[in-house]
mmCIF file of all heavy atoms, coordinates in Angstrom:
data_MODEL
# 
_entry.id   MODEL 
# 
loop_
_atom_site.group_PDB 
_atom_site.id 
_atom_site.type_symbol 
_atom_site.label_atom_id 
_atom_site.label_alt_id 
_atom_site.label_comp_id 
_atom_site.label_asym_id 
_atom_site.label_entity_id 
_atom_site.label_seq_id 
_atom_site.pdbx_PDB_ins_code 
_atom_site.Cartn_x 
_atom_site.Cartn_y 
_atom_site.Cartn_z 
_atom_site.occupancy 
_atom_site.B_iso_or_equiv 
_atom_site.pdbx_formal_charge 
_atom_site.auth_seq_id 
_atom_site.auth_comp_id 
_atom_site.auth_asym_id 
_atom_site.auth_atom_id 
_atom_site.pdbx_PDB_model_num 
ATOM 1   N N   . SER A 1 1  ? 23.358 -7.887  -0.730  1.00 0.00 ? 1  SER A N   1 
ATOM 2   C CA  . SER A 1 1  ? 22.724 -8.488  -1.912  1.00 0.00 ? 1  SER A CA  1 
ATOM 3   C C   . SER A 1 1  ? 21.243 -8.682  -1.610  1.00 0.00 ? 1  SER A C   1 
ATOM 4   O O   . SER A 1 1  ? 20.750 -9.793  -1.482  1.00 0.00 ? 1  SER A O   1 
ATOM 5   C CB  . SER A 1 1  ? 23.407 -9.805  -2.268  1.00 0.00 ? 1  SER A CB  1 
ATOM 6   O OG  . SER A 1 1  ? 24.731 -9.556  -2.657  1.00 0.00 ? 1  SER A OG  1 
ATOM 7   N N   . VAL A 1 2  ? 20.555 -7.583  -1.499  1.00 0.00 ? 2  VAL A N   1 
ATOM 8   C CA  . VAL A 1 2  ? 19.165 -7.530  -1.075  1.00 0.00 ? 2  VAL A CA  1 
ATOM 9   C C   . VAL A 1 2  ? 18.240 -7.507  -2.296  1.00 0.00 ? 2  VAL A C   1 
ATOM 10  O O   . VAL A 1 2  ? 18.645 -7.072  -3.374  1.00 0.00 ? 2  VAL A O   1 
ATOM 11  C CB  . VAL A 1 2  ? 18.948 -6.279  -0.176  1.00 0.00 ? 2  VAL A CB  1 
ATOM 12  C CG1 . VAL A 1 2  ? 19.262 -4.998  -0.925  1.00 0.00 ? 2  VAL A CG1 1 
ATOM 13  C CG2 . VAL A 1 2  ? 17.567 -6.240  0.430   1.00 0.00 ? 2  VAL A CG2 1 
ATOM 14  N N   . SER A 1 3  ? 17.014 -7.984  -2.106  1.00 0.00 ? 3  SER A N   1 
ATOM 15  C CA  . SER A 1 3  ? 16.004 -7.947  -3.171  1.00 0.00 ? 3  SER A CA  1 
ATOM 16  C C   . SER A 1 3  ? 14.750 -7.258  -2.650  1.00 0.00 ? 3  SER A C   1 
ATOM 17  O O   . SER A 1 3  ? 14.373 -7.438  -1.485  1.00 0.00 ? 3  SER A O   1 
ATOM 18  C CB  . SER A 1 3  ? 15.624 -9.366  -3.611  1.00 0.00 ? 3  SER A CB  1 
ATOM 19  O OG  . SER A 1 3  ? 16.748 -10.066 -4.086  1.00 0.00 ? 3  SER A OG  1 
ATOM 20  N N   . PHE A 1 4  ? 14.112 -6.503  -3.532  1.00 0.00 ? 4  PHE A N   1 
ATOM 21  C CA  . PHE A 1 4  ? 12.862 -5.811  -3.214  1.00 0.00 ? 4  PHE A CA  1 
ATOM 22  C C   . PHE A 1 4  ? 11.830 -6.141  -4.270  1.00 0.00 ? 4  PHE A C   1 
ATOM 23  O O   . PHE A 1 4  ? 12.163 -6.262  -5.444  1.00 0.00 ? 4  PHE A O   1 
ATOM 24  C CB  . PHE A 1 4  ? 13.056 -4.288  -3.240  1.00 0.00 ? 4  PHE A CB  1 
ATOM 25  C CG  . PHE A 1 4  ? 14.031 -3.782  -2.229  1.00 0.00 ? 4  PHE A CG  1 
ATOM 26  C CD1 . PHE A 1 4  ? 15.364 -3.629  -2.548  1.00 0.00 ? 4  PHE A CD1 1 
ATOM 27  C CD2 . PHE A 1 4  ? 13.617 -3.442  -0.956  1.00 0.00 ? 4  PHE A CD2 1 
ATOM 28  C CE1 . PHE A 1 4  ? 16.275 -3.148  -1.625  1.00 0.00 ? 4  PHE A CE1 1 
ATOM 29  C CE2 . PHE A 1 4  ? 14.512 -2.966  -0.016  1.00 0.00 ? 4  PHE A CE2 1 
ATOM 30  C CZ  . PHE A 1 4  ? 15.848 -2.822  -0.347  1.00 0.00 ? 4  PHE A CZ  1 
ATOM 31  N N   . ILE A 1 5  ? 10.577 -6.244  -3.844  1.00 0.00 ? 5  ILE A N   1 
ATOM 32  C CA  . ILE A 1 5  ? 9.469  -6.298  -4.792  1.00 0.00 ? 5  ILE A CA  1 
ATOM 33  C C   . ILE A 1 5  ? 8.643  -5.040  -4.554  1.00 0.00 ? 5  ILE A C   1 
ATOM 34  O O   . ILE A 1 5  ? 8.234  -4.752  -3.427  1.00 0.00 ? 5  ILE A O   1 
ATOM 35  C CB  . ILE A 1 5  ? 8.613  -7.562  -4.636  1.00 0.00 ? 5  ILE A CB  1 
ATOM 36  C CG1 . ILE A 1 5  ? 9.465  -8.812  -4.868  1.00 0.00 ? 5  ILE A CG1 1 
ATOM 37  C CG2 . ILE A 1 5  ? 7.428  -7.525  -5.624  1.00 0.00 ? 5  ILE A CG2 1 
ATOM 38  C CD1 . ILE A 1 5  ? 8.731  -10.124 -4.658  1.00 0.00 ? 5  ILE A CD1 1 
ATOM 39  N N   . VAL A 1 6  ? 8.422  -4.306  -5.646  1.00 0.00 ? 6  VAL A N   1 
ATOM 40  C CA  . VAL A 1 6  ? 7.687  -3.052  -5.619  1.00 0.00 ? 6  VAL A CA  1 
ATOM 41  C C   . VAL A 1 6  ? 6.376  -3.265  -6.368  1.00 0.00 ? 6  VAL A C   1 
ATOM 42  O O   . VAL A 1 6  ? 6.365  -3.846  -7.463  1.00 0.00 ? 6  VAL A O   1 
ATOM 43  C CB  . VAL A 1 6  ? 8.517  -1.932  -6.279  1.00 0.00 ? 6  VAL A CB  1 
ATOM 44  C CG1 . VAL A 1 6  ? 7.754  -0.621  -6.317  1.00 0.00 ? 6  VAL A CG1 1 
ATOM 45  C CG2 . VAL A 1 6  ? 9.856  -1.777  -5.567  1.00 0.00 ? 6  VAL A CG2 1 
ATOM 46  N N   . ASP A 1 7  ? 5.270  -2.809  -5.772  1.00 0.00 ? 7  ASP A N   1 
ATOM 47  C CA  . ASP A 1 7  ? 3.968  -2.993  -6.411  1.00 0.00 ? 7  ASP A CA  1 
ATOM 48  C C   . ASP A 1 7  ? 3.738  -1.969  -7.519  1.00 0.00 ? 7  ASP A C   1 
ATOM 49  O O   . ASP A 1 7  ? 4.573  -1.097  -7.772  1.00 0.00 ? 7  ASP A O   1 
ATOM 50  C CB  . ASP A 1 7  ? 2.839  -3.013  -5.372  1.00 0.00 ? 7  ASP A CB  1 
ATOM 51  C CG  . ASP A 1 7  ? 2.569  -1.664  -4.710  1.00 0.00 ? 7  ASP A CG  1 
ATOM 52  O OD1 . ASP A 1 7  ? 3.035  -0.612  -5.210  1.00 0.00 ? 7  ASP A OD1 1 
ATOM 53  O OD2 . ASP A 1 7  ? 1.885  -1.665  -3.669  1.00 0.00 ? 7  ASP A OD2 1 
ATOM 54  N N   . LYS A 1 8  ? 2.599  -2.085  -8.177  1.00 0.00 ? 8  LYS A N   1 
ATOM 55  C CA  . LYS A 1 8  ? 2.289  -1.238  -9.330  1.00 0.00 ? 8  LYS A CA  1 
ATOM 56  C C   . LYS A 1 8  ? 2.180  0.237   -8.981  1.00 0.00 ? 8  LYS A C   1 
ATOM 57  O O   . LYS A 1 8  ? 2.332  1.089   -9.847  1.00 0.00 ? 8  LYS A O   1 
ATOM 58  C CB  . LYS A 1 8  ? 0.988  -1.708  -9.982  1.00 0.00 ? 8  LYS A CB  1 
ATOM 59  C CG  . LYS A 1 8  ? 1.087  -3.079  -10.610 1.00 0.00 ? 8  LYS A CG  1 
ATOM 60  C CD  . LYS A 1 8  ? -0.270 -3.516  -11.137 1.00 0.00 ? 8  LYS A CD  1 
ATOM 61  C CE  . LYS A 1 8  ? -0.212 -4.919  -11.698 1.00 0.00 ? 8  LYS A CE  1 
ATOM 62  N NZ  . LYS A 1 8  ? -1.538 -5.356  -12.193 1.00 0.00 ? 8  LYS A NZ  1 
ATOM 63  N N   . SER A 1 9  ? 1.924  0.538   -7.720  1.00 0.00 ? 9  SER A N   1 
ATOM 64  C CA  . SER A 1 9  ? 1.813  1.939   -7.316  1.00 0.00 ? 9  SER A CA  1 
ATOM 65  C C   . SER A 1 9  ? 3.148  2.511   -6.836  1.00 0.00 ? 9  SER A C   1 
ATOM 66  O O   . SER A 1 9  ? 3.219  3.670   -6.443  1.00 0.00 ? 9  SER A O   1 
ATOM 67  C CB  . SER A 1 9  ? 0.748  2.104   -6.233  1.00 0.00 ? 9  SER A CB  1 
ATOM 68  O OG  . SER A 1 9  ? 1.159  1.477   -5.035  1.00 0.00 ? 9  SER A OG  1 
ATOM 69  N N   . GLY A 1 10 ? 4.209  1.691   -6.842  1.00 0.00 ? 10 GLY A N   1 
ATOM 70  C CA  . GLY A 1 10 ? 5.537  2.176   -6.471  1.00 0.00 ? 10 GLY A CA  1 
ATOM 71  C C   . GLY A 1 10 ? 5.883  2.032   -5.007  1.00 0.00 ? 10 GLY A C   1 
ATOM 72  O O   . GLY A 1 10 ? 6.769  2.723   -4.506  1.00 0.00 ? 10 GLY A O   1 
ATOM 73  N N   . VAL A 1 11 ? 5.234  1.101   -4.304  1.00 0.00 ? 11 VAL A N   1 
ATOM 74  C CA  . VAL A 1 11 ? 5.469  0.885   -2.880  1.00 0.00 ? 11 VAL A CA  1 
ATOM 75  C C   . VAL A 1 11 ? 6.193  -0.446  -2.676  1.00 0.00 ? 11 VAL A C   1 
ATOM 76  O O   . VAL A 1 11 ? 5.840  -1.459  -3.293  1.00 0.00 ? 11 VAL A O   1 
ATOM 77  C CB  . VAL A 1 11 ? 4.129  0.892   -2.100  1.00 0.00 ? 11 VAL A CB  1 
ATOM 78  C CG1 . VAL A 1 11 ? 4.327  0.508   -0.642  1.00 0.00 ? 11 VAL A CG1 1 
ATOM 79  C CG2 . VAL A 1 11 ? 3.479  2.260   -2.208  1.00 0.00 ? 11 VAL A CG2 1 
ATOM 80  N N   . ILE A 1 12 ? 7.202  -0.454  -1.805  1.00 0.00 ? 12 ILE A N   1 
ATOM 81  C CA  . ILE A 1 12 ? 7.932  -1.690  -1.485  1.00 0.00 ? 12 ILE A CA  1 
ATOM 82  C C   . ILE A 1 12 ? 7.002  -2.594  -0.685  1.00 0.00 ? 12 ILE A C   1 
ATOM 83  O O   . ILE A 1 12 ? 6.518  -2.228  0.373   1.00 0.00 ? 12 ILE A O   1 
ATOM 84  C CB  . ILE A 1 12 ? 9.216  -1.392  -0.682  1.00 0.00 ? 12 ILE A CB  1 
ATOM 85  C CG1 . ILE A 1 12 ? 10.183 -0.552  -1.527  1.00 0.00 ? 12 ILE A CG1 1 
ATOM 86  C CG2 . ILE A 1 12 ? 9.876  -2.703  -0.224  1.00 0.00 ? 12 ILE A CG2 1 
ATOM 87  C CD1 . ILE A 1 12 ? 11.385 -0.029  -0.763  1.00 0.00 ? 12 ILE A CD1 1 
ATOM 88  N N   . ARG A 1 13 ? 6.775  -3.791  -1.213  1.00 0.00 ? 13 ARG A N   1 
ATOM 89  C CA  . ARG A 1 13 ? 5.845  -4.721  -0.582  1.00 0.00 ? 13 ARG A CA  1 
ATOM 90  C C   . ARG A 1 13 ? 6.513  -5.981  -0.054  1.00 0.00 ? 13 ARG A C   1 
ATOM 91  O O   . ARG A 1 13 ? 5.891  -6.760  0.658   1.00 0.00 ? 13 ARG A O   1 
ATOM 92  C CB  . ARG A 1 13 ? 4.755  -5.108  -1.575  1.00 0.00 ? 13 ARG A CB  1 
ATOM 93  C CG  . ARG A 1 13 ? 3.909  -3.939  -2.030  1.00 0.00 ? 13 ARG A CG  1 
ATOM 94  C CD  . ARG A 1 13 ? 2.903  -3.491  -1.003  1.00 0.00 ? 13 ARG A CD  1 
ATOM 95  N NE  . ARG A 1 13 ? 1.915  -4.506  -0.759  1.00 0.00 ? 13 ARG A NE  1 
ATOM 96  C CZ  . ARG A 1 13 ? 0.797  -4.668  -1.480  1.00 0.00 ? 13 ARG A CZ  1 
ATOM 97  N NH1 . ARG A 1 13 ? 0.524  -3.857  -2.468  1.00 0.00 ? 13 ARG A NH1 1 
ATOM 98  N NH2 . ARG A 1 13 ? -0.035 -5.637  -1.176  1.00 0.00 ? 13 ARG A NH2 1 
ATOM 99  N N   . TYR A 1 14 ? 7.770  -6.209  -0.427  1.00 0.00 ? 14 TYR A N   1 
ATOM 100 C CA  . TYR A 1 14 ? 8.466  -7.416  0.001   1.00 0.00 ? 14 TYR A CA  1 
ATOM 101 C C   . TYR A 1 14 ? 9.960  -7.132  0.025   1.00 0.00 ? 14 TYR A C   1 
ATOM 102 O O   . TYR A 1 14 ? 10.470 -6.427  -0.849  1.00 0.00 ? 14 TYR A O   1 
ATOM 103 C CB  . TYR A 1 14 ? 8.162  -8.567  -0.971  1.00 0.00 ? 14 TYR A CB  1 
ATOM 104 C CG  . TYR A 1 14 ? 8.847  -9.865  -0.642  1.00 0.00 ? 14 TYR A CG  1 
ATOM 105 C CD1 . TYR A 1 14 ? 8.236  -10.814 0.158   1.00 0.00 ? 14 TYR A CD1 1 
ATOM 106 C CD2 . TYR A 1 14 ? 10.109 -10.136 -1.129  1.00 0.00 ? 14 TYR A CD2 1 
ATOM 107 C CE1 . TYR A 1 14 ? 8.867  -12.015 0.463   1.00 0.00 ? 14 TYR A CE1 1 
ATOM 108 C CE2 . TYR A 1 14 ? 10.754 -11.327 -0.828  1.00 0.00 ? 14 TYR A CE2 1 
ATOM 109 C CZ  . TYR A 1 14 ? 10.127 -12.259 -0.033  1.00 0.00 ? 14 TYR A CZ  1 
ATOM 110 O OH  . TYR A 1 14 ? 10.772 -13.433 0.267   1.00 0.00 ? 14 TYR A OH  1 
ATOM 111 N N   . VAL A 1 15 ? 10.639 -7.689  1.008   1.00 0.00 ? 15 VAL A N   1 
ATOM 112 C CA  . VAL A 1 15 ? 12.087 -7.572  1.106   1.00 0.00 ? 15 VAL A CA  1 
ATOM 113 C C   . VAL A 1 15 ? 12.666 -8.959  1.357   1.00 0.00 ? 15 VAL A C   1 
ATOM 114 O O   . VAL A 1 15 ? 12.219 -9.666  2.267   1.00 0.00 ? 15 VAL A O   1 
ATOM 115 C CB  . VAL A 1 15 ? 12.508 -6.637  2.267   1.00 0.00 ? 15 VAL A CB  1 
ATOM 116 C CG1 . VAL A 1 15 ? 14.023 -6.628  2.430   1.00 0.00 ? 15 VAL A CG1 1 
ATOM 117 C CG2 . VAL A 1 15 ? 11.979 -5.226  2.059   1.00 0.00 ? 15 VAL A CG2 1 
ATOM 118 N N   . HIS A 1 16 ? 13.612 -9.342  0.538   1.00 0.00 ? 16 HIS A N   1 
ATOM 119 C CA  . HIS A 1 16 ? 14.432 -10.520 0.825   1.00 0.00 ? 16 HIS A CA  1 
ATOM 120 C C   . HIS A 1 16 ? 15.791 -9.950  1.207   1.00 0.00 ? 16 HIS A C   1 
ATOM 121 O O   . HIS A 1 16 ? 16.512 -9.421  0.361   1.00 0.00 ? 16 HIS A O   1 
ATOM 122 C CB  . HIS A 1 16 ? 14.552 -11.446 -0.386  1.00 0.00 ? 16 HIS A CB  1 
ATOM 123 C CG  . HIS A 1 16 ? 15.232 -12.732 -0.067  1.00 0.00 ? 16 HIS A CG  1 
ATOM 124 N ND1 . HIS A 1 16 ? 16.601 -12.863 -0.124  1.00 0.00 ? 16 HIS A ND1 1 
ATOM 125 C CD2 . HIS A 1 16 ? 14.748 -13.918 0.340   1.00 0.00 ? 16 HIS A CD2 1 
ATOM 126 C CE1 . HIS A 1 16 ? 16.925 -14.101 0.224   1.00 0.00 ? 16 HIS A CE1 1 
ATOM 127 N NE2 . HIS A 1 16 ? 15.813 -14.754 0.512   1.00 0.00 ? 16 HIS A NE2 1 
ATOM 128 N N   . PRO A 1 17 ? 16.150 -10.014 2.493   1.00 0.00 ? 17 PRO A N   1 
ATOM 129 C CA  . PRO A 1 17 ? 17.271 -9.214  2.981   1.00 0.00 ? 17 PRO A CA  1 
ATOM 130 C C   . PRO A 1 17 ? 18.660 -9.713  2.609   1.00 0.00 ? 17 PRO A C   1 
ATOM 131 O O   . PRO A 1 17 ? 19.646 -9.140  3.066   1.00 0.00 ? 17 PRO A O   1 
ATOM 132 C CB  . PRO A 1 17 ? 17.066 -9.245  4.492   1.00 0.00 ? 17 PRO A CB  1 
ATOM 133 C CG  . PRO A 1 17 ? 16.354 -10.518 4.751   1.00 0.00 ? 17 PRO A CG  1 
ATOM 134 C CD  . PRO A 1 17 ? 15.478 -10.740 3.555   1.00 0.00 ? 17 PRO A CD  1 
ATOM 135 N N   . GLY A 1 18 ? 18.774 -10.708 1.789   1.00 0.00 ? 18 GLY A N   1 
ATOM 136 C CA  . GLY A 1 18 ? 20.097 -11.144 1.353   1.00 0.00 ? 18 GLY A CA  1 
ATOM 137 C C   . GLY A 1 18 ? 20.221 -12.645 1.350   1.00 0.00 ? 18 GLY A C   1 
ATOM 138 O O   . GLY A 1 18 ? 19.280 -13.369 1.630   1.00 0.00 ? 18 GLY A O   1 
ATOM 139 N N   . GLY A 1 19 ? 21.402 -13.086 1.000   1.00 0.00 ? 19 GLY A N   1 
ATOM 140 C CA  . GLY A 1 19 ? 21.592 -14.518 0.833   1.00 0.00 ? 19 GLY A CA  1 
ATOM 141 C C   . GLY A 1 19 ? 21.026 -14.941 -0.502  1.00 0.00 ? 19 GLY A C   1 
ATOM 142 O O   . GLY A 1 19 ? 20.941 -14.165 -1.442  1.00 0.00 ? 19 GLY A O   1 
ATOM 143 N N   . GLU A 1 20 ? 20.620 -16.196 -0.568  1.00 0.00 ? 20 GLU A N   1 
ATOM 144 C CA  . GLU A 1 20 ? 20.163 -16.734 -1.851  1.00 0.00 ? 20 GLU A CA  1 
ATOM 145 C C   . GLU A 1 20 ? 18.724 -17.198 -1.778  1.00 0.00 ? 20 GLU A C   1 
ATOM 146 O O   . GLU A 1 20 ? 18.198 -17.477 -0.707  1.00 0.00 ? 20 GLU A O   1 
ATOM 147 C CB  . GLU A 1 20 ? 21.063 -17.896 -2.280  1.00 0.00 ? 20 GLU A CB  1 
ATOM 148 C CG  . GLU A 1 20 ? 21.058 -19.061 -1.306  1.00 0.00 ? 20 GLU A CG  1 
ATOM 149 C CD  . GLU A 1 20 ? 22.154 -20.070 -1.591  1.00 0.00 ? 20 GLU A CD  1 
ATOM 150 O OE1 . GLU A 1 20 ? 21.908 -20.994 -2.402  1.00 0.00 ? 20 GLU A OE1 1 
ATOM 151 O OE2 . GLU A 1 20 ? 23.237 -19.932 -0.995  1.00 0.00 ? 20 GLU A OE2 1 
ATOM 152 N N   . PHE A 1 21 ? 18.105 -17.278 -2.934  1.00 0.00 ? 21 PHE A N   1 
ATOM 153 C CA  . PHE A 1 21 ? 16.815 -17.946 -3.095  1.00 0.00 ? 21 PHE A CA  1 
ATOM 154 C C   . PHE A 1 21 ? 16.838 -18.614 -4.455  1.00 0.00 ? 21 PHE A C   1 
ATOM 155 O O   . PHE A 1 21 ? 17.463 -18.138 -5.396  1.00 0.00 ? 21 PHE A O   1 
ATOM 156 C CB  . PHE A 1 21 ? 15.626 -16.985 -2.924  1.00 0.00 ? 21 PHE A CB  1 
ATOM 157 C CG  . PHE A 1 21 ? 15.598 -15.816 -3.873  1.00 0.00 ? 21 PHE A CG  1 
ATOM 158 C CD1 . PHE A 1 21 ? 15.045 -15.925 -5.140  1.00 0.00 ? 21 PHE A CD1 1 
ATOM 159 C CD2 . PHE A 1 21 ? 16.102 -14.586 -3.477  1.00 0.00 ? 21 PHE A CD2 1 
ATOM 160 C CE1 . PHE A 1 21 ? 15.000 -14.840 -5.998  1.00 0.00 ? 21 PHE A CE1 1 
ATOM 161 C CE2 . PHE A 1 21 ? 16.061 -13.488 -4.330  1.00 0.00 ? 21 PHE A CE2 1 
ATOM 162 C CZ  . PHE A 1 21 ? 15.508 -13.618 -5.589  1.00 0.00 ? 21 PHE A CZ  1 
ATOM 163 N N   . HIS A 1 22 ? 16.197 -19.757 -4.537  1.00 0.00 ? 22 HIS A N   1 
ATOM 164 C CA  . HIS A 1 22 ? 16.167 -20.493 -5.794  1.00 0.00 ? 22 HIS A CA  1 
ATOM 165 C C   . HIS A 1 22 ? 15.118 -21.581 -5.736  1.00 0.00 ? 22 HIS A C   1 
ATOM 166 O O   . HIS A 1 22 ? 14.589 -21.907 -4.678  1.00 0.00 ? 22 HIS A O   1 
ATOM 167 C CB  . HIS A 1 22 ? 17.534 -21.087 -6.153  1.00 0.00 ? 22 HIS A CB  1 
ATOM 168 C CG  . HIS A 1 22 ? 18.254 -21.674 -4.983  1.00 0.00 ? 22 HIS A CG  1 
ATOM 169 N ND1 . HIS A 1 22 ? 17.865 -22.836 -4.370  1.00 0.00 ? 22 HIS A ND1 1 
ATOM 170 C CD2 . HIS A 1 22 ? 19.326 -21.232 -4.295  1.00 0.00 ? 22 HIS A CD2 1 
ATOM 171 C CE1 . HIS A 1 22 ? 18.677 -23.096 -3.369  1.00 0.00 ? 22 HIS A CE1 1 
ATOM 172 N NE2 . HIS A 1 22 ? 19.573 -22.129 -3.294  1.00 0.00 ? 22 HIS A NE2 1 
ATOM 173 N N   . ASN A 1 23 ? 14.851 -22.156 -6.877  1.00 0.00 ? 23 ASN A N   1 
ATOM 174 C CA  . ASN A 1 23 ? 13.823 -23.165 -7.062  1.00 0.00 ? 23 ASN A CA  1 
ATOM 175 C C   . ASN A 1 23 ? 14.446 -24.560 -7.133  1.00 0.00 ? 23 ASN A C   1 
ATOM 176 O O   . ASN A 1 23 ? 15.563 -24.722 -7.605  1.00 0.00 ? 23 ASN A O   1 
ATOM 177 C CB  . ASN A 1 23 ? 13.087 -22.858 -8.377  1.00 0.00 ? 23 ASN A CB  1 
ATOM 178 C CG  . ASN A 1 23 ? 11.883 -23.721 -8.602  1.00 0.00 ? 23 ASN A CG  1 
ATOM 179 O OD1 . ASN A 1 23 ? 11.376 -24.334 -7.678  1.00 0.00 ? 23 ASN A OD1 1 
ATOM 180 N ND2 . ASN A 1 23 ? 11.419 -23.748 -9.827  1.00 0.00 ? 23 ASN A ND2 1 
ATOM 181 N N   . ALA A 1 24 ? 13.724 -25.540 -6.618  1.00 0.00 ? 24 ALA A N   1 
ATOM 182 C CA  . ALA A 1 24 ? 14.021 -26.961 -6.832  1.00 0.00 ? 24 ALA A CA  1 
ATOM 183 C C   . ALA A 1 24 ? 15.353 -27.437 -6.277  1.00 0.00 ? 24 ALA A C   1 
ATOM 184 O O   . ALA A 1 24 ? 15.994 -28.294 -6.854  1.00 0.00 ? 24 ALA A O   1 
ATOM 185 C CB  . ALA A 1 24 ? 13.922 -27.300 -8.324  1.00 0.00 ? 24 ALA A CB  1 
ATOM 186 N N   . ARG A 1 25 ? 15.784 -26.896 -5.146  1.00 0.00 ? 25 ARG A N   1 
ATOM 187 C CA  . ARG A 1 25 ? 17.007 -27.396 -4.516  1.00 0.00 ? 25 ARG A CA  1 
ATOM 188 C C   . ARG A 1 25 ? 16.785 -27.725 -3.047  1.00 0.00 ? 25 ARG A C   1 
ATOM 189 O O   . ARG A 1 25 ? 17.740 -27.881 -2.298  1.00 0.00 ? 25 ARG A O   1 
ATOM 190 C CB  . ARG A 1 25 ? 18.135 -26.371 -4.660  1.00 0.00 ? 25 ARG A CB  1 
ATOM 191 C CG  . ARG A 1 25 ? 18.627 -26.255 -6.091  1.00 0.00 ? 25 ARG A CG  1 
ATOM 192 C CD  . ARG A 1 25 ? 19.756 -25.288 -6.263  1.00 0.00 ? 25 ARG A CD  1 
ATOM 193 N NE  . ARG A 1 25 ? 20.873 -25.541 -5.385  1.00 0.00 ? 25 ARG A NE  1 
ATOM 194 C CZ  . ARG A 1 25 ? 21.903 -24.718 -5.237  1.00 0.00 ? 25 ARG A CZ  1 
ATOM 195 N NH1 . ARG A 1 25 ? 21.935 -23.588 -5.907  1.00 0.00 ? 25 ARG A NH1 1 
ATOM 196 N NH2 . ARG A 1 25 ? 22.884 -24.988 -4.416  1.00 0.00 ? 25 ARG A NH2 1 
ATOM 197 N N   . ALA A 1 26 ? 15.528 -27.802 -2.631  1.00 0.00 ? 26 ALA A N   1 
ATOM 198 C CA  . ALA A 1 26 ? 15.225 -28.023 -1.216  1.00 0.00 ? 26 ALA A CA  1 
ATOM 199 C C   . ALA A 1 26 ? 15.814 -29.334 -0.703  1.00 0.00 ? 26 ALA A C   1 
ATOM 200 O O   . ALA A 1 26 ? 16.125 -29.453 0.481   1.00 0.00 ? 26 ALA A O   1 
ATOM 201 C CB  . ALA A 1 26 ? 13.713 -28.006 -0.986  1.00 0.00 ? 26 ALA A CB  1 
# 
């Protein structure tokens, strides 16, 4: 369950390799 962020030129710039991410639960 991986996430990628791809920039405007089509290049992978960030990888979240799995697990969860979320806001306001720290």
